[in-house]
Protein backbone atom coordinates (compact mmCIF):
# COMPACT_ATOMS: atom_id res chain seq x y z
CA UNK A 1 24.67 3.41 2.40
CA UNK A 2 23.82 2.60 6.02
CA UNK A 3 23.39 -1.05 6.87
CA UNK A 4 21.40 -2.65 9.68
CA UNK A 5 21.05 -6.23 10.83
CA UNK A 6 18.17 -7.77 12.72
CA UNK A 7 16.62 -11.14 13.39
CA UNK A 8 13.11 -10.19 12.26
CA UNK A 9 12.02 -7.48 9.82
CA UNK A 10 8.30 -6.67 9.62
CA UNK A 11 7.01 -4.77 6.59
CA UNK A 12 3.86 -2.84 7.46
CA UNK A 13 3.08 -0.73 10.54
CA UNK A 14 -0.68 -0.96 10.50
CA UNK A 15 -2.43 -2.44 13.52
CA UNK A 16 -1.59 -6.00 12.37
CA UNK A 17 2.12 -5.32 11.84
CA UNK A 18 2.35 -3.46 15.15
CA UNK A 19 0.56 -6.30 16.97
CA UNK A 20 3.01 -8.79 15.44
CA UNK A 21 5.97 -6.70 16.63
CA UNK A 22 4.37 -6.40 20.07
CA UNK A 23 3.82 -10.14 20.52
CA UNK A 24 7.31 -10.95 19.25
CA UNK A 25 8.64 -8.81 22.09
CA UNK A 26 6.18 -10.38 24.51
CA UNK A 27 7.48 -13.83 23.54
CA UNK A 28 11.14 -12.79 23.67
CA UNK A 29 12.05 -9.22 24.73
CA UNK A 30 15.61 -9.76 23.51
CA UNK A 31 14.78 -10.68 19.90
CA UNK A 32 15.95 -7.88 17.55
CA UNK A 33 13.04 -6.58 15.45
CA UNK A 34 12.76 -3.72 12.93
CA UNK A 35 9.31 -2.54 11.85
CA UNK A 36 9.25 -0.81 8.44
CA UNK A 37 6.57 1.30 6.78
CA UNK A 38 6.54 4.04 4.15
CA UNK A 39 4.09 6.07 6.26
CA UNK A 40 3.56 6.81 9.92
CA UNK A 41 2.19 3.90 11.98
CA UNK A 42 -1.56 3.29 11.68
CA UNK A 43 -1.79 5.86 8.87
CA UNK A 44 -3.37 3.92 6.00
CA UNK A 45 -6.03 1.20 6.27
CA UNK A 46 -5.86 1.12 10.07
CA UNK A 47 -6.83 4.80 10.16
CA UNK A 48 -10.09 3.93 8.36
CA UNK A 49 -11.11 1.14 10.74
CA UNK A 50 -14.65 0.81 12.03
CA UNK A 51 -13.03 -0.28 15.33
CA UNK A 52 -15.68 -2.90 16.04
CA UNK A 53 -15.19 -6.46 17.26
CA UNK A 54 -17.28 -9.62 17.49
CA UNK A 55 -16.83 -13.33 18.02
CA UNK A 56 -19.60 -14.35 15.59
CA UNK A 57 -18.52 -16.27 12.47
CA UNK A 58 -20.18 -18.98 10.40
CA UNK A 59 -17.30 -21.37 11.21
CA UNK A 60 -15.95 -22.43 14.64
CA UNK A 61 -12.31 -21.92 13.61
CA UNK A 62 -12.87 -18.21 13.04
CA UNK A 63 -14.93 -18.05 16.22
CA UNK A 64 -12.02 -19.53 18.20
CA UNK A 65 -9.58 -17.15 16.50
CA UNK A 66 -11.59 -14.01 17.28
CA UNK A 67 -12.41 -15.26 20.79
CA UNK A 68 -8.66 -15.46 21.39
CA UNK A 69 -8.22 -11.94 20.05
CA UNK A 70 -10.94 -10.64 22.35
CA UNK A 71 -9.26 -12.43 25.28
CA UNK A 72 -6.05 -10.56 24.46
CA UNK A 73 -7.85 -7.23 24.09
CA UNK A 74 -9.47 -7.75 27.48
CA UNK A 75 -5.99 -8.34 28.93
CA UNK A 76 -4.84 -5.05 27.38
CA UNK A 77 -7.90 -3.29 28.76
CA UNK A 78 -7.13 -4.55 32.26
CA UNK A 79 -3.43 -3.75 32.02
CA UNK A 80 -3.99 -0.18 30.81
CA UNK A 81 -7.01 0.91 32.84
CA UNK A 82 -9.02 0.54 29.64
CA UNK A 83 -6.83 2.87 27.61
CA UNK A 84 -8.24 1.11 24.52
CA UNK A 85 -11.80 2.24 25.40
CA UNK A 86 -13.22 -1.26 25.16
CA UNK A 87 -16.99 -1.43 25.42
CA UNK A 88 -19.58 -4.13 24.84
CA UNK A 89 -23.17 -3.61 23.83
CA UNK A 90 -22.97 -6.35 21.25
CA UNK A 91 -23.83 -6.64 17.57
CA UNK A 92 -27.49 -6.60 16.58
CA UNK A 93 -28.18 -8.37 13.29
CA UNK A 94 -31.65 -7.30 12.17
CA UNK A 95 -33.97 -8.94 9.64
CA UNK A 96 -37.56 -8.79 8.47
CA UNK A 97 -37.57 -12.56 7.90
CA UNK A 98 -39.39 -14.80 10.37
CA UNK A 99 -37.94 -18.08 9.11
CA UNK A 100 -34.63 -18.24 10.94
CA UNK A 101 -33.71 -21.88 10.26
CA UNK A 102 -30.71 -21.01 8.06
CA UNK A 103 -29.50 -18.32 10.46
CA UNK A 104 -29.87 -20.62 13.45
CA UNK A 105 -27.94 -23.35 11.63
CA UNK A 106 -25.08 -20.88 11.05
CA UNK A 107 -25.15 -19.78 14.67
CA UNK A 108 -25.07 -23.34 15.96
CA UNK A 109 -22.25 -24.30 13.61
CA UNK A 110 -20.18 -21.19 14.29
CA UNK A 111 -20.39 -21.67 18.04
CA UNK A 112 -20.33 -25.48 18.00
CA UNK A 113 -16.90 -25.66 19.64
CA UNK A 114 -17.48 -22.86 22.16
CA UNK A 115 -17.80 -24.32 25.62
CA UNK A 116 -20.75 -23.21 27.76
CA UNK A 117 -22.01 -20.71 25.18
CA UNK A 118 -25.79 -20.33 25.20
CA UNK A 119 -28.00 -19.41 22.26
CA UNK A 120 -31.21 -18.13 23.85
CA UNK A 121 -34.36 -17.73 21.75
CA UNK A 122 -36.96 -15.22 22.97
CA UNK A 123 -40.41 -15.74 21.46
CA UNK A 124 -43.89 -14.81 22.64
CA UNK A 125 -43.89 -17.44 25.35
CA UNK A 126 -40.19 -17.33 26.18
CA UNK A 127 -39.32 -18.06 29.78
CA UNK A 128 -35.68 -16.99 29.55
CA UNK A 129 -34.97 -13.40 30.54
CA UNK A 130 -33.45 -11.09 27.98
CA UNK A 131 -30.96 -8.51 29.29
CA UNK A 132 -31.09 -5.30 27.21
CA UNK A 133 -27.76 -3.61 26.41
CA UNK A 134 -28.19 -0.85 28.97
CA UNK A 135 -24.53 -0.72 29.95
CA UNK A 136 -21.40 -0.33 27.81
CA UNK A 137 -19.20 -2.03 30.41
CA UNK A 138 -17.57 -5.07 28.80
CA UNK A 139 -16.85 -6.82 32.09
CA UNK A 140 -20.51 -6.99 33.13
CA UNK A 141 -21.98 -7.71 29.68
CA UNK A 142 -23.85 -10.99 29.12
CA UNK A 143 -22.24 -13.81 27.17
CA UNK A 144 -23.75 -15.98 24.45
CA UNK A 145 -26.33 -14.97 21.87
CA UNK A 146 -29.91 -13.77 22.18
CA UNK A 147 -32.31 -14.34 19.30
CA UNK A 148 -35.32 -12.03 19.57
CA UNK A 149 -38.45 -13.12 17.67
CA UNK A 150 -40.99 -11.13 19.68
CA UNK A 151 -41.71 -7.85 17.85
CA UNK A 152 -42.98 -6.20 21.01
CA UNK A 153 -39.71 -7.00 22.75
CA UNK A 154 -37.74 -5.76 19.72
CA UNK A 155 -39.61 -2.45 19.58
CA UNK A 156 -39.43 -1.80 23.31
CA UNK A 157 -35.70 -2.52 23.40
CA UNK A 158 -34.71 -0.91 20.08
CA UNK A 159 -37.27 1.85 19.46
CA UNK A 160 -35.27 3.42 16.61
CA UNK A 161 -35.60 0.28 14.46
CA UNK A 162 -38.23 0.08 11.75
CA UNK A 163 -41.36 -1.78 13.00
CA UNK A 164 -41.02 -4.29 10.15
CA UNK A 165 -38.04 -5.94 11.90
CA UNK A 166 -39.12 -9.43 12.99
CA UNK A 167 -35.84 -11.01 14.12
CA UNK A 168 -32.80 -9.72 15.99
CA UNK A 169 -29.69 -11.82 16.55
CA UNK A 170 -27.90 -10.11 19.41
CA UNK A 171 -24.26 -11.25 19.59
CA UNK A 172 -23.20 -10.41 23.14
CA UNK A 173 -19.39 -10.80 23.01
CA UNK A 174 -19.07 -7.85 20.65
CA UNK A 175 -18.56 -4.12 20.83
CA UNK A 176 -16.00 -1.46 19.99
CA UNK A 177 -12.45 -0.43 20.87
CA UNK A 178 -10.08 2.42 20.06
CA UNK A 179 -7.75 0.72 17.60
CA UNK A 180 -5.54 3.80 17.46
CA UNK A 181 -5.04 3.77 21.23
CA UNK A 182 -4.35 0.05 21.17
CA UNK A 183 -1.82 0.44 18.37
CA UNK A 184 -0.01 3.29 20.09
CA UNK A 185 0.21 1.33 23.35
CA UNK A 186 1.66 -1.68 21.54
CA UNK A 187 4.11 0.49 19.61
CA UNK A 188 5.36 2.14 22.80
CA UNK A 189 5.92 -1.24 24.42
CA UNK A 190 7.71 -2.47 21.29
CA UNK A 191 10.10 0.51 21.30
CA UNK A 192 10.64 0.33 25.07
CA UNK A 193 11.68 -3.30 24.55
CA UNK A 194 14.37 -2.28 22.06
CA UNK A 195 12.36 -2.55 18.85
CA UNK A 196 13.01 -0.04 16.07
CA UNK A 197 10.57 1.64 13.73
CA UNK A 198 11.91 2.79 10.36
CA UNK A 199 9.83 5.02 8.14
CA UNK A 200 10.95 3.84 4.75
CA UNK A 201 9.68 2.50 1.48
CA UNK A 202 10.86 -1.00 0.60
CA UNK A 203 12.11 -0.88 -2.99
CA UNK A 204 13.63 -4.32 -3.32
CA UNK A 205 14.17 -7.55 -1.37
CA UNK A 206 17.09 -9.85 -2.00
CA UNK A 207 16.98 -13.39 -0.66
CA UNK A 208 19.97 -15.68 -0.44
CA UNK A 209 19.68 -17.38 2.93
CA UNK A 210 19.04 -14.11 4.75
CA UNK A 211 16.86 -11.28 3.47
CA UNK A 212 18.24 -7.89 2.45
CA UNK A 213 15.70 -5.07 2.23
CA UNK A 214 16.73 -2.12 0.06
CA UNK A 215 14.85 0.90 1.33
CA UNK A 216 14.44 4.58 0.66
CA UNK A 217 13.98 6.31 4.01
CA UNK A 218 12.42 9.51 5.23
CA UNK A 219 13.52 11.61 8.18
CA UNK A 220 11.93 10.50 11.43
CA UNK A 221 12.88 12.10 14.72
CA UNK A 222 11.33 9.72 17.25
CA UNK A 223 13.79 8.47 19.90
CA UNK A 224 13.76 4.78 18.97
CA UNK A 225 13.43 5.29 15.22
CA UNK A 226 16.18 4.92 12.62
CA UNK A 227 16.54 8.41 11.14
CA UNK A 228 18.28 9.10 7.85
CA UNK A 229 17.63 10.54 4.42
CA UNK A 230 19.91 7.97 2.79
CA UNK A 231 19.18 4.67 1.16
CA UNK A 232 19.80 1.89 3.64
CA UNK A 233 19.77 -1.86 3.67
CA UNK A 234 18.35 -4.10 6.37
CA UNK A 235 19.70 -7.62 6.65
CA UNK A 236 17.28 -9.93 8.41
CA UNK A 237 17.15 -13.63 9.18
CA UNK A 238 13.34 -13.66 8.96
CA UNK A 239 10.85 -11.51 7.09
CA UNK A 240 7.19 -10.87 7.93
CA UNK A 241 4.89 -9.44 5.26
CA UNK A 242 2.26 -7.40 7.13
CA UNK A 243 1.79 -4.88 4.34
CA UNK A 244 -2.03 -4.81 4.35
CA UNK A 245 -3.33 -3.91 0.87
CA UNK A 246 0.25 -4.16 -0.43
CA UNK A 247 0.70 -7.83 0.59
CA UNK A 248 0.85 -8.89 -3.04
CA UNK A 249 3.37 -6.17 -3.92
CA UNK A 250 5.77 -7.33 -1.21
CA UNK A 251 5.21 -10.99 -2.15
CA UNK A 252 6.18 -10.17 -5.74
CA UNK A 253 9.57 -8.93 -4.49
CA UNK A 254 10.12 -12.49 -3.25
CA UNK A 255 9.04 -13.91 -6.62
CA UNK A 256 5.89 -15.44 -5.17
CA UNK A 257 2.16 -14.69 -5.07
CA UNK A 258 -0.59 -14.78 -2.47
CA UNK A 259 -4.28 -15.66 -3.04
CA UNK A 260 -5.54 -12.19 -2.09
CA UNK A 261 -7.24 -9.21 -3.71
CA UNK A 262 -8.41 -5.77 -2.59
CA UNK A 263 -11.78 -4.06 -2.62
CA UNK A 264 -12.33 -0.44 -1.63
CA UNK A 265 -14.97 0.01 1.07
CA UNK A 266 -16.25 3.34 2.33
CA UNK A 267 -17.84 4.84 5.44
CA UNK A 268 -19.16 8.15 6.65
CA UNK A 269 -19.20 9.76 10.09
CA UNK A 270 -21.19 12.82 11.08
CA UNK A 271 -22.61 14.61 14.09
CA UNK A 272 -26.14 13.44 14.89
CA UNK A 273 -27.54 16.93 15.32
CA UNK A 274 -31.12 15.66 15.12
CA UNK A 275 -30.47 12.96 17.75
CA UNK A 276 -31.89 10.38 15.39
CA UNK A 277 -30.09 7.42 16.99
CA UNK A 278 -30.18 6.52 20.71
CA UNK A 279 -26.68 6.70 22.19
CA UNK A 280 -27.08 3.26 23.76
CA UNK A 281 -27.92 1.52 20.47
CA UNK A 282 -25.53 -1.38 19.78
CA UNK A 283 -23.63 -1.74 16.52
CA UNK A 284 -26.60 -2.49 14.26
CA UNK A 285 -26.57 -4.34 10.96
CA UNK A 286 -29.46 -4.68 8.53
CA UNK A 287 -28.99 -8.18 7.10
CA UNK A 288 -31.61 -7.85 4.37
CA UNK A 289 -30.98 -6.97 0.75
CA UNK A 290 -32.79 -3.84 -0.39
CA UNK A 291 -33.72 -1.51 -3.19
CA UNK A 292 -32.70 2.06 -2.44
CA UNK A 293 -35.74 4.35 -2.48
CA UNK A 294 -34.60 6.69 -5.26
CA UNK A 295 -37.14 9.08 -6.72
CA UNK A 296 -38.28 8.36 -10.28
CA UNK A 297 -36.12 11.21 -11.56
CA UNK A 298 -33.05 9.96 -9.68
CA UNK A 299 -33.62 6.42 -10.90
CA UNK A 300 -33.83 7.54 -14.53
CA UNK A 301 -30.57 9.47 -14.17
CA UNK A 302 -28.80 6.48 -12.61
CA UNK A 303 -30.02 4.12 -15.32
CA UNK A 304 -28.34 6.29 -17.96
CA UNK A 305 -24.91 5.47 -16.54
CA UNK A 306 -23.21 2.06 -16.75
CA UNK A 307 -21.28 3.04 -13.63
CA UNK A 308 -24.37 3.83 -11.55
CA UNK A 309 -27.20 1.67 -12.84
CA UNK A 310 -26.31 -1.16 -10.41
CA UNK A 311 -27.47 1.20 -7.65
CA UNK A 312 -31.04 0.85 -8.95
CA UNK A 313 -30.94 -2.93 -8.56
CA UNK A 314 -31.21 -5.10 -5.48
CA UNK A 315 -28.33 -4.18 -3.16
CA UNK A 316 -26.72 -6.63 -0.72
CA UNK A 317 -27.46 -6.50 2.98
CA UNK A 318 -25.12 -5.84 5.91
CA UNK A 319 -25.41 -2.06 6.00
CA UNK A 320 -24.40 -0.89 9.46
CA UNK A 321 -24.76 1.99 11.87
CA UNK A 322 -23.44 2.76 15.34
CA UNK A 323 -23.09 5.70 17.71
CA UNK A 324 -19.51 6.98 17.87
CA UNK A 325 -17.85 8.51 20.91
CA UNK A 326 -19.62 6.68 23.72
CA UNK A 327 -22.82 7.46 25.57
CA UNK A 328 -21.97 11.16 25.84
CA UNK A 329 -20.80 11.49 22.25
CA UNK A 330 -22.77 13.01 19.39
CA UNK A 331 -21.42 11.33 16.25
CA UNK A 332 -22.59 8.38 14.13
CA UNK A 333 -20.76 6.00 11.80
CA UNK A 334 -22.42 4.40 8.78
CA UNK A 335 -20.86 1.80 6.49
CA UNK A 336 -21.90 -0.52 3.68
CA UNK A 337 -19.40 -3.00 2.18
CA UNK A 338 -21.35 -3.54 -1.03
CA UNK A 339 -18.41 -3.11 -3.39
CA UNK A 340 -17.01 -6.41 -4.69
CA UNK A 341 -14.77 -5.08 -7.47
CA UNK A 342 -11.11 -6.04 -7.11
CA UNK A 343 -8.62 -3.24 -7.68
CA UNK A 344 -4.98 -2.38 -7.23
CA UNK A 345 -4.31 -0.51 -3.98
CA UNK A 346 -3.33 3.14 -3.74
CA UNK A 347 -2.20 5.24 -0.81
CA UNK A 348 -4.76 7.81 -1.95
CA UNK A 349 -7.86 5.83 -2.97
CA UNK A 350 -10.52 7.61 -5.01
CA UNK A 351 -13.83 7.70 -3.14
CA UNK A 352 -17.31 7.72 -4.67
CA UNK A 353 -18.91 11.16 -4.37
CA UNK A 354 -22.39 9.64 -4.17
CA UNK A 355 -21.51 7.21 -1.35
CA UNK A 356 -22.71 9.40 1.56
CA UNK A 357 -26.15 9.64 -0.03
CA UNK A 358 -26.19 5.92 -0.86
CA UNK A 359 -25.24 4.73 2.62
CA UNK A 360 -27.57 7.19 4.32
CA UNK A 361 -30.59 6.05 2.33
CA UNK A 362 -29.70 2.43 2.94
CA UNK A 363 -29.22 2.91 6.68
CA UNK A 364 -32.54 4.77 6.97
CA UNK A 365 -34.37 1.57 6.14
CA UNK A 366 -33.38 0.10 9.53
CA UNK A 367 -33.37 3.43 11.38
CA UNK A 368 -36.03 5.60 9.66
CA UNK A 369 -35.15 8.70 11.71
CA UNK A 370 -31.99 9.00 9.59
CA UNK A 371 -34.21 10.19 6.72
CA UNK A 372 -33.98 13.63 8.30
CA UNK A 373 -30.47 13.85 6.86
CA UNK A 374 -31.29 12.76 3.31
CA UNK A 375 -31.49 16.27 1.86
CA UNK A 376 -28.70 17.83 3.95
CA UNK A 377 -25.96 16.01 5.80
CA UNK A 378 -24.23 17.96 8.58
CA UNK A 379 -21.49 20.31 7.39
CA UNK A 380 -18.63 18.36 8.96
CA UNK A 381 -19.52 14.93 7.57
CA UNK A 382 -16.39 12.83 7.21
CA UNK A 383 -16.33 10.56 4.14
CA UNK A 384 -13.47 8.06 4.18
CA UNK A 385 -12.48 4.62 2.97
CA UNK A 386 -9.92 1.87 3.01
CA UNK A 387 -9.18 -1.46 1.43
CA UNK A 388 -10.54 -4.83 2.40
CA UNK A 389 -7.66 -7.18 1.59
CA UNK A 390 -9.18 -10.63 1.45
CA UNK A 391 -9.03 -14.20 0.28
CA UNK A 392 -12.03 -15.60 -1.59
CA UNK A 393 -13.21 -17.38 1.56
CA UNK A 394 -12.58 -14.28 3.73
CA UNK A 395 -10.19 -16.03 6.10
CA UNK A 396 -6.84 -14.47 7.01
CA UNK A 397 -3.42 -15.70 5.92
CA UNK A 398 -1.05 -16.14 8.86
CA UNK A 399 2.10 -18.24 8.81
CA UNK A 400 4.96 -19.41 6.60
CA UNK A 401 5.01 -18.75 2.86
CA UNK A 402 6.69 -20.85 0.20
CA UNK A 403 9.85 -18.76 0.65
CA UNK A 404 11.97 -20.15 3.50
CA UNK A 405 12.09 -17.75 6.43
CA UNK A 406 9.31 -15.53 5.08
CA UNK A 407 5.92 -15.24 6.79
CA UNK A 408 2.66 -13.47 6.01
CA UNK A 409 0.07 -11.95 8.32
CA UNK A 410 -2.84 -10.25 6.63
CA UNK A 411 -5.94 -10.61 4.45
CA UNK A 412 -8.18 -9.48 7.32
CA UNK A 413 -10.86 -7.70 5.34
CA UNK A 414 -12.89 -5.54 7.64
CA UNK A 415 -11.77 -7.39 10.77
CA UNK A 416 -8.16 -6.23 11.12
CA UNK A 417 -8.67 -4.27 14.32
CA UNK A 418 -10.64 -6.97 16.09
CA UNK A 419 -8.33 -9.80 14.98
CA UNK A 420 -4.98 -7.97 15.20
CA UNK A 421 -4.05 -9.30 18.64
CA UNK A 422 -4.62 -12.97 17.81
CA UNK A 423 -3.10 -12.53 14.34
CA UNK A 424 0.02 -10.84 15.73
CA UNK A 425 0.39 -13.47 18.42
CA UNK A 426 -0.05 -16.32 15.93
CA UNK A 427 2.48 -14.91 13.46
CA UNK A 428 4.96 -14.33 16.29
CA UNK A 429 4.54 -17.96 17.39
CA UNK A 430 5.20 -19.11 13.84
CA UNK A 431 8.29 -16.90 13.51
CA UNK A 432 9.71 -18.05 16.85
CA UNK A 433 8.93 -21.71 16.11
CA UNK A 434 6.79 -21.91 19.25
CA UNK A 435 3.78 -24.09 20.03
CA UNK A 436 0.80 -23.17 17.85
CA UNK A 437 -2.91 -23.05 18.71
CA UNK A 438 -5.35 -25.48 17.11
CA UNK A 439 -6.56 -22.95 14.54
CA UNK A 440 -3.06 -22.23 13.15
CA UNK A 441 -3.17 -24.78 10.30
CA UNK A 442 -6.53 -23.60 8.96
CA UNK A 443 -5.49 -19.94 8.94
CA UNK A 444 -2.25 -20.57 7.05
CA UNK A 445 -1.59 -21.19 3.37
CA UNK A 446 -1.66 -24.92 4.17
CA UNK A 447 -5.47 -24.83 4.19
CA UNK A 448 -5.45 -24.76 0.39
CA UNK A 449 -4.06 -28.29 0.47
CA UNK A 450 -6.77 -29.41 2.90
CA UNK A 451 -9.76 -30.51 0.82
CA UNK A 452 -11.95 -30.99 3.91
CA UNK A 453 -11.59 -27.41 5.09
CA UNK A 454 -11.90 -25.88 1.63
CA UNK A 455 -15.02 -27.86 0.69
CA UNK A 456 -16.58 -26.87 4.00
CA UNK A 457 -15.80 -23.20 3.41
CA UNK A 458 -17.39 -23.25 -0.03
CA UNK A 459 -20.72 -24.18 1.58
CA UNK A 460 -20.64 -21.32 4.13
CA UNK A 461 -21.20 -17.59 3.95
CA UNK A 462 -18.04 -15.49 4.21
CA UNK A 463 -19.06 -13.55 7.32
CA UNK A 464 -18.46 -10.17 5.62
CA UNK A 465 -20.43 -7.45 7.41
């Protein structure tokens, strides 16, 4: 049996684990780190990412956290000549509701600690100018939030939207990135700084002062990777659980538990052969709940099945659509995180055959031109899915666990790509016992002992989109 020693072992080479390894090396290039995963880097949940980012959250702590992550992504964009393909047309949250008091209260609370951030309301007699998202350039994009309540302005700016839309909340510090490119850049830096990647399955963890990982490895021929077909052990002073949907599985090897569960969420991508969606449309989210417009025959068939009858009832909002591939691309992405059933994770999750039809019909309510695809989706439609690993309040877990020397970084349901930089940096700061940002306490397991934070979170929406 081959044996290795390191100061830090990270389990999980998704975007969050890679970002943690990257920022450990940024903090201290000499710290020995081994990154372990049973699959190739970015191969599981990270490969299913929507690759969107935004700084909008119902609570200022999450706003500060994602603002920090966007700061770090902007630094990466500048350092790499925008290798990560960062763009910024914003998030458009659309609704048919005119009464925006609740939404405005959430906006004001979420941004209450953001300095110099403006929330601009555009009504019939608005004097403030609204800047349409004509450019994808993140450096020249407006800041703040624009709330559009003038239907003429909405229709002239977003002509693909259904005319019934009465309110648009346009989050301006939001857009898309290439998470795969970002992860590969970070991984290359990590390896160039002496870090090692080991493709191996962790079978067992022993803990008696140090940690000993018993692993079953696969052959890997990359230059900086440990390559062997044998069982090996890794002795480490510190352990970071960045195992994504397998957080709980790794925690159980340390005889502890984490307050997380998994839900399977699905998406589709296809070529917009009918040019139904303008290429400059921002990431668009229909906030309103809806009944899917099944035919009478379809509805009767669905009602006969316990599994499917929920699809005939009122469905939650937050269905989303965005052009994929930039202004000159031809593809679309659609997603709808309506599933709330907790399940055990699998490396080969079983997808719902009917999901493409479900999400297409739902998305057509905001963008009616998508109805052209209801009978026949393009031949090369890609149907895929991954797990949202989340806490009940939908905040991440980053920091020490109740096992001395062990840390966790995860539970970033649907926001792993956008939050990976700040999450990796924060976990690295914890592991290196460095100075922590103000949001560190609230994003750690210690929040469950803080009655003020937890009572506040119970009164807010979770921010799941």
